[in-house]
Amino acid sequence: MSLPILHFAHANSYPAGTYGVFFEQLRQHYDVRALPVHAHNPRFPVDDGWRKLARELREEIEQRYTEPVILVGHSMGGILSLMAARRRPELVRCVVLLDSPIVAGWRAHLLRLSKFFRFESRYSPSVTSARRRDHWPDQEAAYRHYAAKTLFAAWPQQVLRDYVQHGLVPGAGGGVRLRFSRETETAVYRTIPHHLGRLLRQSYPVPVGFVGGTDSVECRVAGLEATRRLVGPHFRQIPGGHLFPMESPVPAAQATHQMIGELLQGRAAA
């Protein structure tokens, strides 16, 4: 008996290979597949509101699968999954958002204005990403660089090794560089969708659930009111920050699996 297909979409700047330990847990229940890197196909450049990035995911689903799939996405990947499912609901069984809060209401209005006037707070992640180090002599030097940082110190060693292995490519002038370019990462942050509030104006065509980190700064900044309205009772938080699938991949996979079961059970009952 074949396993149900779970198509995963990664967060901004973290290629799918980073989630190897998380995937390993999910593969006990699903046939896990993913596009290795989003936002780097010239056919689907980063645009305001990520509409072309969502089309990249949608076309991937249309071309690869002959049956409806489960969509799971982390941060950016969750929003892209939500947008793709909206356009082609017949191809999707359910959507699980992993710390992908919906920006709506007054926050969306402020986001739209900040993009219009090109205002960038010094606390914006785009400020950090624009000057992020992106070259090292070799993979081991990159690993030591990340292991010394507080953010990555919380990750299990294998997760960080996976990030270094899948997140770096040979540099043009020697050494290694980031596979997900810092220019693209910055562009993604600067074009976060502000139009998703309209999703709340009518019932969503497929079941949607949310699993987030209790300490997620991103959720605090974006607010969770709109997300709660979208997912209803299918809302969970587990210990961790925005990157909880990397920090705690086993509990994250367990929570994701439980949410999928809940969503599919509800769909079957309906």
Protein backbone atom coordinates (compact mmCIF):
# COMPACT_ATOMS: atom_id res chain seq x y z
CA MET A 1 0.00 0.00 0.00
CA SER A 2 1.46 3.33 -1.06
CA LEU A 3 1.85 6.16 1.43
CA PRO A 4 -0.03 9.44 0.93
CA ILE A 5 2.04 12.13 -0.78
CA LEU A 6 3.14 15.06 1.36
CA HIS A 7 4.62 17.95 -0.60
CA PHE A 8 6.71 20.29 1.54
CA ALA A 9 7.67 23.92 0.87
CA HIS A 10 10.59 25.38 2.81
CA ALA A 11 11.12 28.66 4.62
CA ASN A 12 12.93 31.65 3.15
CA SER A 13 16.67 30.90 2.81
CA TYR A 14 16.49 27.31 4.13
CA PRO A 15 16.59 24.79 1.25
CA ALA A 16 14.47 21.67 1.65
CA GLY A 17 17.50 19.52 2.46
CA THR A 18 17.82 21.39 5.77
CA TYR A 19 14.73 19.53 7.01
CA GLY A 20 16.24 16.05 6.64
CA VAL A 21 15.65 14.93 10.25
CA PHE A 22 12.12 16.34 10.18
CA PHE A 23 11.45 14.52 6.89
CA GLU A 24 12.86 11.28 8.26
CA GLN A 25 10.19 11.28 10.96
CA LEU A 26 7.39 12.12 8.53
CA ARG A 27 8.46 9.38 6.11
CA GLN A 28 7.12 6.82 8.55
CA HIS A 29 3.65 7.98 7.45
CA TYR A 30 4.05 9.84 4.14
CA ASP A 31 5.82 9.90 0.82
CA VAL A 32 7.61 13.20 1.44
CA ARG A 33 8.60 15.28 -1.58
CA ALA A 34 9.79 18.84 -2.04
CA LEU A 35 11.21 21.31 -4.51
CA PRO A 36 14.86 21.64 -3.36
CA VAL A 37 15.01 25.44 -3.60
CA HIS A 38 12.23 27.98 -4.11
CA ALA A 39 12.61 31.51 -5.46
CA HIS A 40 15.64 30.81 -7.68
CA ASN A 41 13.91 29.80 -10.91
CA PRO A 42 14.15 32.75 -13.34
CA ARG A 43 10.73 31.76 -14.72
CA PHE A 44 9.24 32.62 -11.32
CA PRO A 45 11.08 35.68 -9.96
CA VAL A 46 10.32 37.16 -6.56
CA ASP A 47 7.48 39.66 -6.94
CA ASP A 48 5.37 41.68 -4.56
CA GLY A 49 2.96 39.39 -2.76
CA TRP A 50 4.84 36.23 -3.89
CA ARG A 51 2.27 35.48 -6.60
CA LYS A 52 4.87 34.12 -9.02
CA LEU A 53 6.46 32.03 -6.28
CA ALA A 54 3.04 30.56 -5.52
CA ARG A 55 2.60 29.82 -9.22
CA GLU A 56 5.93 27.97 -9.19
CA LEU A 57 4.62 25.71 -6.42
CA ARG A 58 1.23 25.32 -8.09
CA GLU A 59 2.76 24.26 -11.40
CA GLU A 60 5.05 21.84 -9.58
CA ILE A 61 2.00 20.17 -8.07
CA GLU A 62 0.10 20.18 -11.36
CA GLN A 63 2.95 18.58 -13.27
CA ARG A 64 4.23 16.06 -10.73
CA TYR A 65 1.12 14.47 -9.26
CA THR A 66 -1.90 12.59 -10.53
CA GLU A 67 -3.67 12.58 -7.17
CA PRO A 68 -4.45 15.22 -4.51
CA VAL A 69 -1.57 15.80 -2.10
CA ILE A 70 -1.04 17.07 1.42
CA LEU A 71 0.70 20.45 1.47
CA VAL A 72 2.92 21.37 4.40
CA GLY A 73 4.92 24.57 4.41
CA HIS A 74 7.19 26.35 6.86
CA SER A 75 7.05 30.16 7.08
CA MET A 76 7.25 31.35 3.44
CA GLY A 77 6.47 27.82 2.30
CA GLY A 78 3.24 27.76 4.27
CA ILE A 79 2.00 30.95 2.63
CA LEU A 80 2.93 29.66 -0.82
CA SER A 81 1.06 26.41 -0.06
CA LEU A 82 -1.99 28.37 1.04
CA MET A 83 -1.97 30.47 -2.13
CA ALA A 84 -1.44 27.46 -4.40
CA ALA A 85 -4.26 25.51 -2.74
CA ARG A 86 -6.59 28.45 -3.16
CA ARG A 87 -6.13 28.38 -6.92
CA ARG A 88 -6.23 24.59 -7.35
CA PRO A 89 -8.14 23.11 -4.37
CA GLU A 90 -8.95 19.92 -6.27
CA LEU A 91 -5.23 19.05 -6.16
CA VAL A 92 -4.89 19.45 -2.39
CA ARG A 93 -6.19 17.33 0.49
CA CYS A 94 -5.24 19.78 3.25
CA VAL A 95 -2.69 22.46 4.15
CA VAL A 96 -0.57 22.65 7.29
CA LEU A 97 1.08 25.99 8.06
CA LEU A 98 4.23 25.70 10.17
CA ASP A 99 4.69 29.08 11.83
CA SER A 100 3.23 30.85 8.79
CA PRO A 101 1.01 33.57 10.30
CA ILE A 102 -1.42 35.49 8.10
CA VAL A 103 -0.76 39.25 8.05
CA ALA A 104 -4.14 40.99 7.86
CA GLY A 105 -6.06 44.00 9.17
CA TRP A 106 -4.12 47.05 10.32
CA ARG A 107 -0.84 45.12 10.18
CA ALA A 108 -1.39 44.39 6.49
CA HIS A 109 -2.20 48.07 5.91
CA LEU A 110 1.07 49.11 7.59
CA LEU A 111 2.95 46.50 5.59
CA ARG A 112 1.50 47.81 2.34
CA LEU A 113 2.42 51.39 3.24
CA SER A 114 5.95 50.44 4.28
CA LYS A 115 6.48 48.74 0.91
CA PHE A 116 4.98 51.69 -0.97
CA PHE A 117 7.24 54.21 0.79
CA ARG A 118 10.16 51.74 0.90
CA PHE A 119 10.45 52.15 4.64
CA GLU A 120 12.61 49.53 6.31
CA SER A 121 12.91 49.25 10.07
CA ARG A 122 16.37 48.56 11.40
CA TYR A 123 14.81 45.49 13.06
CA SER A 124 13.53 44.08 9.77
CA PRO A 125 15.03 40.69 8.81
CA SER A 126 15.83 42.13 5.40
CA VAL A 127 18.41 44.42 7.00
CA THR A 128 20.24 41.42 8.42
CA SER A 129 19.90 39.28 5.30
CA ALA A 130 21.25 42.02 3.01
CA ARG A 131 24.62 41.95 4.79
CA ARG A 132 24.70 38.27 5.71
CA ARG A 133 28.02 36.53 5.20
CA ASP A 134 27.73 34.28 2.15
CA HIS A 135 31.23 32.90 1.39
CA TRP A 136 33.57 30.54 3.29
CA PRO A 137 36.79 28.69 2.46
CA ASP A 138 35.03 25.32 2.82
CA GLN A 139 32.01 23.59 4.37
CA GLU A 140 33.72 22.97 7.69
CA ALA A 141 34.51 26.67 8.08
CA ALA A 142 30.85 27.45 7.37
CA TYR A 143 29.75 24.85 9.91
CA ARG A 144 31.96 26.39 12.62
CA HIS A 145 30.64 29.85 11.71
CA TYR A 146 27.01 28.80 12.21
CA ALA A 147 27.63 26.57 15.23
CA ALA A 148 29.02 29.58 17.10
CA LYS A 149 25.81 31.58 16.60
CA THR A 150 23.07 31.50 19.24
CA LEU A 151 20.31 30.87 16.69
CA PHE A 152 21.94 27.74 15.29
CA ALA A 153 23.34 26.49 18.59
CA ALA A 154 19.80 25.38 19.46
CA TRP A 155 19.72 23.01 16.47
CA PRO A 156 20.68 19.34 16.78
CA GLN A 157 24.08 18.77 15.20
CA GLN A 158 22.68 16.70 12.32
CA VAL A 159 20.22 19.44 11.38
CA LEU A 160 23.02 21.99 11.17
CA ARG A 161 25.13 19.55 9.17
CA ASP A 162 22.20 19.11 6.76
CA TYR A 163 21.87 22.88 6.40
CA VAL A 164 25.55 23.25 5.58
CA GLN A 165 25.46 20.32 3.16
CA HIS A 166 22.35 21.43 1.29
CA GLY A 167 22.62 25.18 1.82
CA LEU A 168 26.03 25.70 0.24
CA VAL A 169 27.38 25.32 -3.30
CA PRO A 170 30.85 25.82 -4.79
CA GLY A 171 31.75 29.48 -5.17
CA ALA A 172 32.76 30.92 -8.54
CA GLY A 173 36.10 32.06 -7.17
CA GLY A 174 36.72 29.05 -4.95
CA GLY A 175 35.41 28.03 -1.55
CA VAL A 176 31.67 27.74 -0.96
CA ARG A 177 28.76 30.17 -0.99
CA LEU A 178 25.13 30.22 0.09
CA ARG A 179 22.89 28.28 -2.27
CA PHE A 180 19.95 30.53 -1.40
CA SER A 181 21.41 33.91 -2.29
CA ARG A 182 21.20 36.71 0.24
CA GLU A 183 19.84 39.01 -2.49
CA THR A 184 16.90 36.67 -3.05
CA GLU A 185 16.36 36.18 0.67
CA THR A 186 16.22 39.95 1.12
CA ALA A 187 13.82 40.36 -1.82
CA VAL A 188 11.48 37.76 -0.30
CA TYR A 189 11.39 39.62 3.03
CA ARG A 190 10.67 42.90 1.26
CA THR A 191 7.69 41.50 -0.66
CA ILE A 192 5.75 39.67 2.06
CA PRO A 193 2.08 39.42 0.99
CA HIS A 194 -0.25 42.05 2.43
CA HIS A 195 -3.33 40.85 0.52
CA LEU A 196 -4.08 37.61 2.40
CA GLY A 197 -6.84 39.10 4.54
CA ARG A 198 -9.22 38.43 1.65
CA LEU A 199 -8.84 34.71 2.36
CA LEU A 200 -10.95 35.27 5.45
CA ARG A 201 -13.90 36.72 3.56
CA GLN A 202 -15.23 33.33 2.51
CA SER A 203 -14.75 29.72 3.53
CA TYR A 204 -11.45 28.25 2.44
CA PRO A 205 -11.81 25.41 -0.09
CA VAL A 206 -9.58 22.88 1.73
CA PRO A 207 -8.95 22.19 5.45
CA VAL A 208 -6.13 24.31 6.92
CA GLY A 209 -4.25 23.84 10.18
CA PHE A 210 -1.54 25.80 11.97
CA VAL A 211 1.36 24.56 14.10
CA GLY A 212 3.61 27.27 15.50
CA GLY A 213 6.33 27.87 18.05
CA THR A 214 5.32 29.29 21.41
CA ASP A 215 8.31 31.66 21.31
CA SER A 216 8.03 32.70 17.67
CA VAL A 217 8.93 36.36 17.26
CA GLU A 218 7.49 36.28 13.76
CA CYS A 219 4.07 35.27 15.10
CA ARG A 220 4.16 38.03 17.70
CA VAL A 221 5.00 40.63 15.06
CA ALA A 222 2.44 39.38 12.52
CA GLY A 223 -0.26 38.67 15.09
CA LEU A 224 -2.31 35.48 15.17
CA GLU A 225 -5.88 36.78 15.07
CA ALA A 226 -6.31 36.32 11.32
CA THR A 227 -4.61 32.93 11.40
CA ARG A 228 -6.94 31.72 14.16
CA ARG A 229 -9.95 32.85 12.15
CA LEU A 230 -8.70 30.95 9.12
CA VAL A 231 -7.91 27.65 10.84
CA GLY A 232 -10.55 27.66 13.57
CA PRO A 233 -9.95 24.80 16.04
CA HIS A 234 -7.00 23.48 14.03
CA PHE A 235 -4.46 25.64 15.85
CA ARG A 236 -1.53 24.31 17.88
CA GLN A 237 1.68 25.68 19.35
CA ILE A 238 4.62 23.68 20.61
CA PRO A 239 7.76 24.81 22.48
CA GLY A 240 10.23 26.60 20.25
CA GLY A 241 10.72 29.63 18.07
CA HIS A 242 10.00 30.37 14.44
CA LEU A 243 12.48 27.68 13.37
CA PHE A 244 11.04 24.96 15.59
CA PRO A 245 11.14 22.32 12.78
CA MET A 246 14.94 22.66 12.92
CA GLU A 247 15.22 23.16 16.68
CA SER A 248 13.01 20.18 17.59
CA PRO A 249 12.42 18.14 14.43
CA VAL A 250 10.96 15.08 16.14
CA PRO A 251 8.24 16.91 18.16
CA ALA A 252 7.62 19.13 15.12
CA ALA A 253 7.02 16.09 12.91
CA GLN A 254 4.75 14.52 15.52
CA ALA A 255 2.67 17.70 15.78
CA THR A 256 2.50 17.96 11.99
CA HIS A 257 1.35 14.35 11.65
CA GLN A 258 -1.30 14.83 14.32
CA MET A 259 -2.56 17.97 12.60
CA ILE A 260 -2.79 16.24 9.22
CA GLY A 261 -4.79 13.42 10.79
CA GLU A 262 -7.12 15.91 12.39
CA LEU A 263 -7.67 17.80 9.14
CA LEU A 264 -8.26 14.70 7.04
CA GLN A 265 -10.58 13.20 9.61
CA GLY A 266 -12.62 16.39 9.64
CA ARG A 267 -12.72 16.44 5.85
CA ALA A 268 -13.91 12.84 5.72
CA ALA A 269 -16.62 13.56 8.26
CA ALA A 270 -17.76 16.59 6.26
